[in-house]
Amino acid sequence: MAHPKRRHSTTRRDKRRANDFISPKAITTDPTTGELHLRHRSHVFEGNLFYKGRMVVEGYAPQV
């Protein structure tokens, strides 16, 4: 079994272990539209752009 020639620092070890405890992305339901979306992100519903339960842009068409 391989052994490291030099000791790894605690910072390097902890950076590697940080990925073990990543939580899944939070999904919530919009109170006005009932649409599922990521928290703190705007979302498109029936051609309109919504954010925090309010219509921000009417007739929103994303540019390709």
N, C-alpha and C. Protein backbone atom coordinates (compact mmCIF):
# COMPACT_ATOMS: atom_id res chain seq x y z
N MET A 1 0.83 -1.18 0.00
CA MET A 1 0.00 0.00 0.00
C MET A 1 0.88 1.24 0.00
N ALA A 2 0.50 2.24 -0.77
CA ALA A 2 1.32 3.44 -0.90
C ALA A 2 1.21 4.31 0.35
N HIS A 3 2.34 4.92 0.68
CA HIS A 3 2.39 5.85 1.80
C HIS A 3 2.96 7.17 1.31
N PRO A 4 2.44 8.29 1.83
CA PRO A 4 2.97 9.58 1.39
C PRO A 4 4.40 9.78 1.89
N LYS A 5 5.21 10.39 1.03
CA LYS A 5 6.59 10.65 1.42
C LYS A 5 6.66 11.79 2.43
N ARG A 6 5.78 12.78 2.25
CA ARG A 6 5.72 13.90 3.18
C ARG A 6 4.30 14.04 3.73
N ARG A 7 4.21 14.61 4.90
CA ARG A 7 2.92 14.78 5.56
C ARG A 7 2.08 15.85 4.87
N HIS A 8 0.78 15.58 4.67
CA HIS A 8 -0.14 16.59 4.13
C HIS A 8 -0.61 17.48 5.26
N SER A 9 -0.79 18.75 4.96
CA SER A 9 -1.22 19.68 5.99
C SER A 9 -2.68 19.44 6.37
N THR A 10 -3.07 19.94 7.52
CA THR A 10 -4.46 19.78 7.96
C THR A 10 -5.41 20.55 7.05
N THR A 11 -4.96 21.68 6.51
CA THR A 11 -5.80 22.45 5.59
C THR A 11 -6.09 21.64 4.34
N ARG A 12 -5.07 20.99 3.81
CA ARG A 12 -5.25 20.18 2.61
C ARG A 12 -6.18 19.01 2.88
N ARG A 13 -6.04 18.40 4.04
CA ARG A 13 -6.91 17.29 4.42
C ARG A 13 -8.36 17.76 4.56
N ASP A 14 -8.56 18.90 5.22
CA ASP A 14 -9.91 19.40 5.46
C ASP A 14 -10.59 19.86 4.18
N LYS A 15 -9.83 20.39 3.23
CA LYS A 15 -10.41 20.77 1.94
C LYS A 15 -10.95 19.55 1.21
N ARG A 16 -10.26 18.44 1.32
CA ARG A 16 -10.71 17.20 0.69
C ARG A 16 -11.97 16.68 1.38
N ARG A 17 -12.02 16.75 2.69
CA ARG A 17 -13.16 16.23 3.44
C ARG A 17 -14.40 17.11 3.36
N ALA A 18 -14.24 18.35 2.96
CA ALA A 18 -15.38 19.27 2.90
C ALA A 18 -16.44 18.79 1.91
N ASN A 19 -16.04 18.06 0.88
CA ASN A 19 -16.99 17.59 -0.12
C ASN A 19 -17.90 16.49 0.39
N ASP A 20 -17.55 15.86 1.50
CA ASP A 20 -18.38 14.79 2.04
C ASP A 20 -19.68 15.31 2.64
N PHE A 21 -19.73 16.59 3.00
CA PHE A 21 -20.88 17.12 3.71
C PHE A 21 -21.66 18.15 2.91
N ILE A 22 -21.49 18.15 1.59
CA ILE A 22 -22.23 19.09 0.76
C ILE A 22 -23.69 18.69 0.75
N SER A 23 -24.57 19.66 1.02
CA SER A 23 -25.99 19.37 1.06
C SER A 23 -26.59 19.53 -0.34
N PRO A 24 -27.70 18.85 -0.62
CA PRO A 24 -28.33 19.00 -1.94
C PRO A 24 -28.91 20.40 -2.10
N LYS A 25 -29.11 20.80 -3.36
CA LYS A 25 -29.63 22.13 -3.62
C LYS A 25 -31.07 22.23 -3.13
N ALA A 26 -31.39 23.38 -2.52
CA ALA A 26 -32.72 23.58 -1.95
C ALA A 26 -33.72 23.92 -3.04
N ILE A 27 -34.80 23.18 -3.09
CA ILE A 27 -35.87 23.43 -4.05
C ILE A 27 -37.11 23.87 -3.27
N THR A 28 -37.80 24.88 -3.77
CA THR A 28 -38.98 25.39 -3.09
C THR A 28 -40.12 25.56 -4.09
N THR A 29 -41.31 25.75 -3.60
CA THR A 29 -42.49 25.96 -4.43
C THR A 29 -42.86 27.43 -4.40
N ASP A 30 -43.07 28.02 -5.56
CA ASP A 30 -43.48 29.42 -5.65
C ASP A 30 -44.91 29.56 -5.13
N PRO A 31 -45.17 30.51 -4.22
CA PRO A 31 -46.52 30.62 -3.65
C PRO A 31 -47.59 31.06 -4.65
N THR A 32 -47.24 31.81 -5.67
CA THR A 32 -48.25 32.29 -6.61
C THR A 32 -48.49 31.34 -7.76
N THR A 33 -47.43 30.71 -8.28
CA THR A 33 -47.57 29.86 -9.46
C THR A 33 -47.58 28.38 -9.13
N GLY A 34 -47.04 27.99 -7.98
CA GLY A 34 -46.94 26.58 -7.63
C GLY A 34 -45.81 25.86 -8.34
N GLU A 35 -44.95 26.61 -9.02
CA GLU A 35 -43.84 26.06 -9.77
C GLU A 35 -42.67 25.72 -8.84
N LEU A 36 -42.01 24.58 -9.07
CA LEU A 36 -40.80 24.24 -8.32
C LEU A 36 -39.61 24.97 -8.93
N HIS A 37 -38.75 25.52 -8.09
CA HIS A 37 -37.57 26.24 -8.57
C HIS A 37 -36.50 26.27 -7.49
N LEU A 38 -35.27 26.61 -7.88
CA LEU A 38 -34.18 26.74 -6.93
C LEU A 38 -34.38 27.99 -6.09
N ARG A 39 -33.98 27.92 -4.83
CA ARG A 39 -34.11 29.07 -3.93
C ARG A 39 -33.25 30.23 -4.42
N HIS A 40 -33.72 31.45 -4.25
CA HIS A 40 -32.99 32.67 -4.59
C HIS A 40 -32.64 32.76 -6.07
N ARG A 41 -33.47 32.16 -6.91
CA ARG A 41 -33.28 32.23 -8.36
C ARG A 41 -34.62 32.56 -9.00
N SER A 42 -34.58 33.32 -10.07
CA SER A 42 -35.81 33.60 -10.81
C SER A 42 -36.14 32.39 -11.67
N HIS A 43 -37.41 32.28 -12.06
CA HIS A 43 -37.82 31.15 -12.89
C HIS A 43 -38.91 31.61 -13.86
N VAL A 44 -39.00 30.91 -15.00
CA VAL A 44 -39.96 31.24 -16.04
C VAL A 44 -41.19 30.36 -15.86
N PHE A 45 -42.36 30.98 -15.91
CA PHE A 45 -43.62 30.26 -15.82
C PHE A 45 -44.60 30.88 -16.80
N GLU A 46 -45.03 30.08 -17.77
CA GLU A 46 -45.97 30.53 -18.81
C GLU A 46 -45.49 31.80 -19.52
N GLY A 47 -44.21 31.86 -19.82
CA GLY A 47 -43.65 32.98 -20.58
C GLY A 47 -43.36 34.22 -19.78
N ASN A 48 -43.55 34.19 -18.46
CA ASN A 48 -43.26 35.34 -17.60
C ASN A 48 -42.16 34.97 -16.62
N LEU A 49 -41.36 35.95 -16.24
CA LEU A 49 -40.25 35.73 -15.32
C LEU A 49 -40.69 36.10 -13.91
N PHE A 50 -40.58 35.17 -12.97
CA PHE A 50 -41.00 35.38 -11.59
C PHE A 50 -39.80 35.35 -10.67
N TYR A 51 -39.84 36.18 -9.61
CA TYR A 51 -38.83 36.19 -8.56
C TYR A 51 -39.48 36.62 -7.27
N LYS A 52 -39.29 35.83 -6.21
CA LYS A 52 -39.88 36.07 -4.90
C LYS A 52 -41.40 36.19 -4.97
N GLY A 53 -42.03 35.36 -5.79
CA GLY A 53 -43.48 35.34 -5.87
C GLY A 53 -44.09 36.46 -6.68
N ARG A 54 -43.28 37.29 -7.30
CA ARG A 54 -43.80 38.42 -8.09
C ARG A 54 -43.35 38.28 -9.54
N MET A 55 -44.19 38.78 -10.45
CA MET A 55 -43.82 38.79 -11.86
C MET A 55 -42.86 39.94 -12.09
N VAL A 56 -41.67 39.63 -12.55
CA VAL A 56 -40.64 40.64 -12.76
C VAL A 56 -40.68 41.14 -14.20
N VAL A 57 -40.76 40.22 -15.16
CA VAL A 57 -40.78 40.57 -16.58
C VAL A 57 -41.94 39.83 -17.23
N GLU A 58 -42.83 40.58 -17.86
CA GLU A 58 -43.94 39.97 -18.58
C GLU A 58 -43.52 39.71 -20.02
N GLY A 59 -43.88 38.55 -20.54
CA GLY A 59 -43.50 38.21 -21.90
C GLY A 59 -42.01 37.97 -22.05
N TYR A 60 -41.42 37.31 -21.07
CA TYR A 60 -39.98 37.05 -21.06
C TYR A 60 -39.65 35.94 -22.05
N ALA A 61 -38.71 36.22 -22.93
CA ALA A 61 -38.21 35.22 -23.88
C ALA A 61 -36.70 35.17 -23.77
N PRO A 62 -36.13 34.09 -23.23
CA PRO A 62 -34.67 34.03 -23.11
C PRO A 62 -34.00 34.04 -24.47
N GLN A 63 -32.89 34.75 -24.57
CA GLN A 63 -32.15 34.84 -25.83
C GLN A 63 -31.24 33.63 -25.96
N VAL A 64 -31.21 33.08 -27.15
CA VAL A 64 -30.43 31.85 -27.38
C VAL A 64 -29.08 32.19 -27.95
